[in-house]
Amino acid sequence: MKTGSKILLGVSGAVLLVAGSVAGTLAFLTDDDTVTNTFTIGKVDISLTETAVKPDGTPDEGAERVKENEYRLVPGVTYTKDPILAIEPDSESAYIRMIVRVQNWEAAKAAFGSLEEIVNLDTANWTAVQLEEDGLDGNTKIYEYRYKESPIANATNEAIELPALFTELTVPGDLTSEELGALYTGDEKTDFRITVEGHAIQSTGFASADAAWTAFDNQENPTEATTATE
């Protein structure tokens, strides 16, 4: 009986020793993964230029496009004036419009009539919207033209030029010296002047172009406007 007890204890001790050896070399099955979010800032980027011209309105050959020109008006003469808005590379989807302001409107209206009679508007690509009778000074006519294919984005590496709002400005041949003289007051703030502004605003987040432009106009300092001035 005593001998049997010793054998049983010896076997038990051997089993415990094996179990301890397995536990010391056990490898757990594991895995891991990571999701990394990279954020960049979207942009709406436009530029507005027109052909550089000489005072007589003829193109200055070889010159780069400019943001301002000076014209010497003569009855019966047609001048090159072609405001072209470009969507710069990597620009987000945006609504596009141009605002045209005719300064010293009463004299301009007497001399030329409406803007449609002064310039050859591209109505195939631009739509007139919400025409205003006067500006803040009471003597500036304001026109709004929206690009018909808005919204538009540019995911390419090159600028996309939109069709010019117009390409020419014509002074009527029957304009009198009195009518022509009335265009100039001696003050650049009240002289006859045509200013074209290009505007762009993101389309994402707005239910319509009207909603987007209302938000744009409500901003005190719109940052996506550029200007080409005569």
Protein backbone atom coordinates (compact mmCIF):
# COMPACT_ATOMS: atom_id res chain seq x y z
CA MET A 1 0.00 0.00 0.00
CA LYS A 2 2.71 2.45 0.78
CA THR A 3 4.47 1.68 -2.49
CA GLY A 4 1.31 2.36 -4.55
CA SER A 5 0.85 5.76 -2.99
CA LYS A 6 4.31 6.84 -4.00
CA ILE A 7 3.74 5.88 -7.65
CA LEU A 8 0.46 7.79 -7.85
CA LEU A 9 2.00 10.94 -6.47
CA GLY A 10 4.89 10.62 -8.87
CA VAL A 11 2.57 10.49 -11.88
CA SER A 12 0.59 13.48 -10.72
CA GLY A 13 3.73 15.51 -10.33
CA ALA A 14 4.75 14.73 -13.91
CA VAL A 15 1.38 15.91 -15.32
CA LEU A 16 1.60 19.27 -13.55
CA LEU A 17 5.11 19.81 -14.89
CA VAL A 18 4.01 19.33 -18.52
CA ALA A 19 1.06 21.69 -18.11
CA GLY A 20 3.31 24.42 -16.78
CA SER A 21 5.67 24.08 -19.73
CA VAL A 22 2.85 24.59 -22.31
CA ALA A 23 1.60 27.74 -20.56
CA GLY A 24 5.03 29.33 -20.71
CA THR A 25 5.22 29.14 -24.59
CA LEU A 26 1.58 29.99 -25.50
CA ALA A 27 1.16 32.63 -28.37
CA PHE A 28 -2.12 34.62 -28.47
CA LEU A 29 -3.89 35.20 -31.79
CA THR A 30 -4.04 39.00 -32.31
CA ASP A 31 -4.60 41.63 -35.04
CA ASP A 32 -4.81 45.42 -35.33
CA ASP A 33 -5.82 47.98 -37.95
CA THR A 34 -5.87 51.79 -38.28
CA VAL A 35 -8.06 54.32 -40.06
CA THR A 36 -6.28 57.62 -40.77
CA ASN A 37 -8.28 60.68 -41.84
CA THR A 38 -6.47 63.32 -43.88
CA PHE A 39 -8.20 66.68 -44.26
CA THR A 40 -7.49 69.31 -46.91
CA ILE A 41 -9.23 72.63 -47.45
CA GLY A 42 -11.40 73.04 -50.53
CA LYS A 43 -11.27 76.30 -52.46
CA VAL A 44 -13.22 78.33 -54.99
CA ASP A 45 -10.73 80.18 -57.16
CA ILE A 46 -11.47 82.46 -60.12
CA SER A 47 -9.71 85.18 -62.09
CA LEU A 48 -11.13 87.90 -64.33
CA THR A 49 -9.15 89.63 -67.06
CA GLU A 50 -9.63 91.37 -70.38
CA THR A 51 -7.52 92.04 -73.46
CA ALA A 52 -5.00 94.85 -73.02
CA VAL A 53 -5.94 97.66 -75.41
CA LYS A 54 -4.53 100.96 -76.58
CA PRO A 55 -6.53 104.15 -75.85
CA ASP A 56 -8.13 103.85 -79.30
CA GLY A 57 -9.57 100.49 -78.25
CA THR A 58 -7.44 98.29 -80.48
CA PRO A 59 -5.67 95.32 -78.88
CA ASP A 60 -2.13 95.84 -77.63
CA GLU A 61 -0.62 92.94 -79.53
CA GLY A 62 1.65 90.70 -77.46
CA ALA A 63 0.57 92.17 -74.13
CA GLU A 64 -0.74 89.95 -71.37
CA ARG A 65 -4.38 90.20 -70.36
CA VAL A 66 -5.10 92.91 -67.80
CA LYS A 67 -7.58 93.96 -65.13
CA GLU A 68 -7.93 97.58 -66.26
CA ASN A 69 -7.98 99.56 -69.50
CA GLU A 70 -8.37 103.20 -70.45
CA TYR A 71 -10.34 104.23 -73.54
CA ARG A 72 -10.55 107.47 -75.52
CA LEU A 73 -14.14 107.48 -76.73
CA VAL A 74 -14.93 108.73 -80.23
CA PRO A 75 -18.40 108.58 -81.87
CA GLY A 76 -18.85 105.70 -84.29
CA VAL A 77 -15.91 103.65 -83.00
CA THR A 78 -16.03 100.07 -81.70
CA TYR A 79 -13.59 99.14 -78.93
CA THR A 80 -12.30 95.75 -77.79
CA LYS A 81 -13.59 94.92 -74.31
CA ASP A 82 -13.84 91.23 -73.45
CA PRO A 83 -14.12 90.36 -69.75
CA ILE A 84 -13.29 86.65 -69.45
CA LEU A 85 -13.66 84.75 -66.19
CA ALA A 86 -11.48 81.67 -65.61
CA ILE A 87 -12.01 78.84 -63.14
CA GLU A 88 -8.59 78.10 -61.65
CA PRO A 89 -7.27 74.52 -61.13
CA ASP A 90 -8.60 72.40 -58.25
CA SER A 91 -11.57 74.69 -57.72
CA GLU A 92 -14.66 73.23 -56.06
CA SER A 93 -18.07 73.20 -57.73
CA ALA A 94 -19.36 76.76 -57.72
CA TYR A 95 -22.03 79.07 -59.03
CA ILE A 96 -20.62 81.79 -61.30
CA ARG A 97 -21.85 85.27 -62.10
CA MET A 98 -20.68 88.67 -63.30
CA ILE A 99 -21.87 92.02 -62.02
CA VAL A 100 -21.68 94.99 -64.40
CA ARG A 101 -21.86 98.53 -63.01
CA VAL A 102 -22.33 101.50 -65.32
CA GLN A 103 -21.27 104.66 -63.51
CA ASN A 104 -22.79 108.09 -64.36
CA TRP A 105 -25.80 106.19 -65.60
CA GLU A 106 -28.06 109.14 -66.46
CA ALA A 107 -25.49 110.55 -68.90
CA ALA A 108 -24.68 107.08 -70.23
CA LYS A 109 -28.36 106.32 -70.78
CA ALA A 110 -28.81 109.56 -72.68
CA ALA A 111 -25.75 108.83 -74.81
CA PHE A 112 -25.99 105.08 -75.35
CA GLY A 113 -29.30 103.77 -74.06
CA SER A 114 -29.23 100.42 -72.27
CA LEU A 115 -26.17 98.28 -71.67
CA GLU A 116 -27.40 95.99 -74.44
CA GLU A 117 -26.94 98.91 -76.83
CA ILE A 118 -23.39 99.58 -75.61
CA VAL A 119 -21.91 96.06 -75.65
CA ASN A 120 -22.59 92.84 -77.55
CA LEU A 121 -23.71 90.65 -74.65
CA ASP A 122 -23.37 86.87 -74.97
CA THR A 123 -26.92 85.90 -74.00
CA ALA A 124 -26.36 82.31 -75.16
CA ASN A 125 -24.09 81.63 -72.18
CA TRP A 126 -25.04 84.31 -69.67
CA THR A 127 -28.49 85.06 -68.24
CA ALA A 128 -29.55 88.47 -66.95
CA VAL A 129 -30.98 88.29 -63.42
CA GLN A 130 -32.41 90.87 -61.01
CA LEU A 131 -31.48 94.03 -62.88
CA GLU A 132 -31.13 96.97 -60.52
CA GLU A 133 -32.03 100.53 -61.48
CA ASP A 134 -29.48 102.32 -59.33
CA GLY A 135 -26.47 101.70 -57.17
CA LEU A 136 -25.70 103.15 -53.79
CA ASP A 137 -24.92 106.58 -55.24
CA GLY A 138 -28.24 106.77 -57.07
CA ASN A 139 -26.56 107.12 -60.47
CA THR A 140 -25.05 103.70 -61.14
CA LYS A 141 -26.87 101.07 -63.15
CA ILE A 142 -26.22 97.53 -61.92
CA TYR A 143 -26.61 94.40 -64.05
CA GLU A 144 -26.26 90.80 -62.90
CA TYR A 145 -25.42 87.96 -65.30
CA ARG A 146 -25.21 84.31 -64.23
CA TYR A 147 -23.34 81.66 -66.14
CA LYS A 148 -25.92 79.25 -67.53
CA GLU A 149 -23.85 76.11 -66.92
CA SER A 150 -23.35 76.78 -63.20
CA PRO A 151 -22.43 75.09 -61.01
CA ILE A 152 -19.06 74.26 -62.47
CA ALA A 153 -15.88 72.76 -61.00
CA ASN A 154 -12.32 72.43 -62.24
CA ALA A 155 -10.45 69.29 -61.22
CA THR A 156 -7.79 69.75 -63.91
CA ASN A 157 -4.32 71.27 -63.74
CA GLU A 158 -5.18 74.16 -66.05
CA ALA A 159 -7.59 77.09 -65.81
CA ILE A 160 -10.93 76.78 -67.60
CA GLU A 161 -11.90 79.98 -69.41
CA LEU A 162 -15.61 80.70 -69.68
CA PRO A 163 -17.08 82.56 -72.67
CA ALA A 164 -16.59 86.34 -72.52
CA LEU A 165 -19.62 88.21 -71.19
CA PHE A 166 -19.17 90.53 -74.18
CA THR A 167 -16.32 91.31 -76.57
CA GLU A 168 -16.94 94.85 -77.83
CA LEU A 169 -18.12 98.28 -76.76
CA THR A 170 -19.54 100.56 -79.44
CA VAL A 171 -20.01 104.33 -79.26
CA PRO A 172 -22.98 105.47 -81.39
CA GLY A 173 -22.02 107.44 -84.47
CA ASP A 174 -24.71 110.06 -83.89
CA LEU A 175 -23.45 110.94 -80.40
CA THR A 176 -23.29 114.73 -79.95
CA SER A 177 -20.42 116.56 -78.34
CA GLU A 178 -22.75 117.59 -75.51
CA GLU A 179 -23.76 113.98 -74.83
CA LEU A 180 -20.15 112.84 -74.98
CA GLY A 181 -19.02 115.66 -72.69
CA ALA A 182 -21.70 114.85 -70.13
CA LEU A 183 -20.09 111.45 -69.56
CA TYR A 184 -17.14 113.11 -67.82
CA THR A 185 -17.50 115.10 -64.64
CA GLY A 186 -13.84 115.50 -63.74
CA ASP A 187 -14.24 113.12 -60.80
CA GLU A 188 -13.44 109.44 -61.29
CA LYS A 189 -16.11 108.58 -58.73
CA THR A 190 -18.83 110.06 -60.94
CA ASP A 191 -17.29 109.83 -64.44
CA PHE A 192 -18.71 107.34 -66.92
CA ARG A 193 -17.14 104.01 -66.13
CA ILE A 194 -17.98 100.35 -66.73
CA THR A 195 -16.83 97.95 -64.03
CA VAL A 196 -17.16 94.17 -64.33
CA GLU A 197 -16.86 91.96 -61.25
CA GLY A 198 -16.56 88.17 -61.33
CA HIS A 199 -18.13 86.26 -58.43
CA ALA A 200 -18.02 82.60 -57.43
CA ILE A 201 -19.56 80.78 -54.49
CA GLN A 202 -19.52 77.09 -53.60
CA SER A 203 -22.59 75.17 -54.75
CA THR A 204 -22.31 72.49 -52.07
CA GLY A 205 -24.61 73.21 -49.15
CA PHE A 206 -27.06 75.39 -51.09
CA ALA A 207 -30.41 74.25 -52.41
CA SER A 208 -30.30 76.63 -55.37
CA ALA A 209 -28.32 79.38 -57.06
CA ASP A 210 -30.68 81.97 -55.58
CA ALA A 211 -29.91 80.73 -52.06
CA ALA A 212 -26.18 80.77 -52.75
CA TRP A 213 -26.16 84.31 -54.13
CA THR A 214 -28.30 85.56 -51.27
CA ALA A 215 -25.66 84.21 -48.88
CA PHE A 216 -22.90 85.77 -50.97
CA ASP A 217 -24.56 89.18 -50.98
CA ASN A 218 -25.11 89.00 -47.24
CA GLN A 219 -21.40 88.65 -46.63
CA GLU A 220 -19.73 91.91 -45.72
CA ASN A 221 -16.44 90.95 -47.31
CA PRO A 222 -16.82 88.50 -50.22
CA THR A 223 -13.39 86.97 -50.85
CA GLU A 224 -13.90 85.33 -54.23
CA ALA A 225 -14.49 88.46 -56.31
CA THR A 226 -12.03 89.91 -58.78
CA THR A 227 -12.46 93.03 -60.84
CA ALA A 228 -11.72 94.18 -64.37
CA THR A 229 -12.38 97.88 -64.80
CA GLU A 230 -12.53 100.19 -67.78
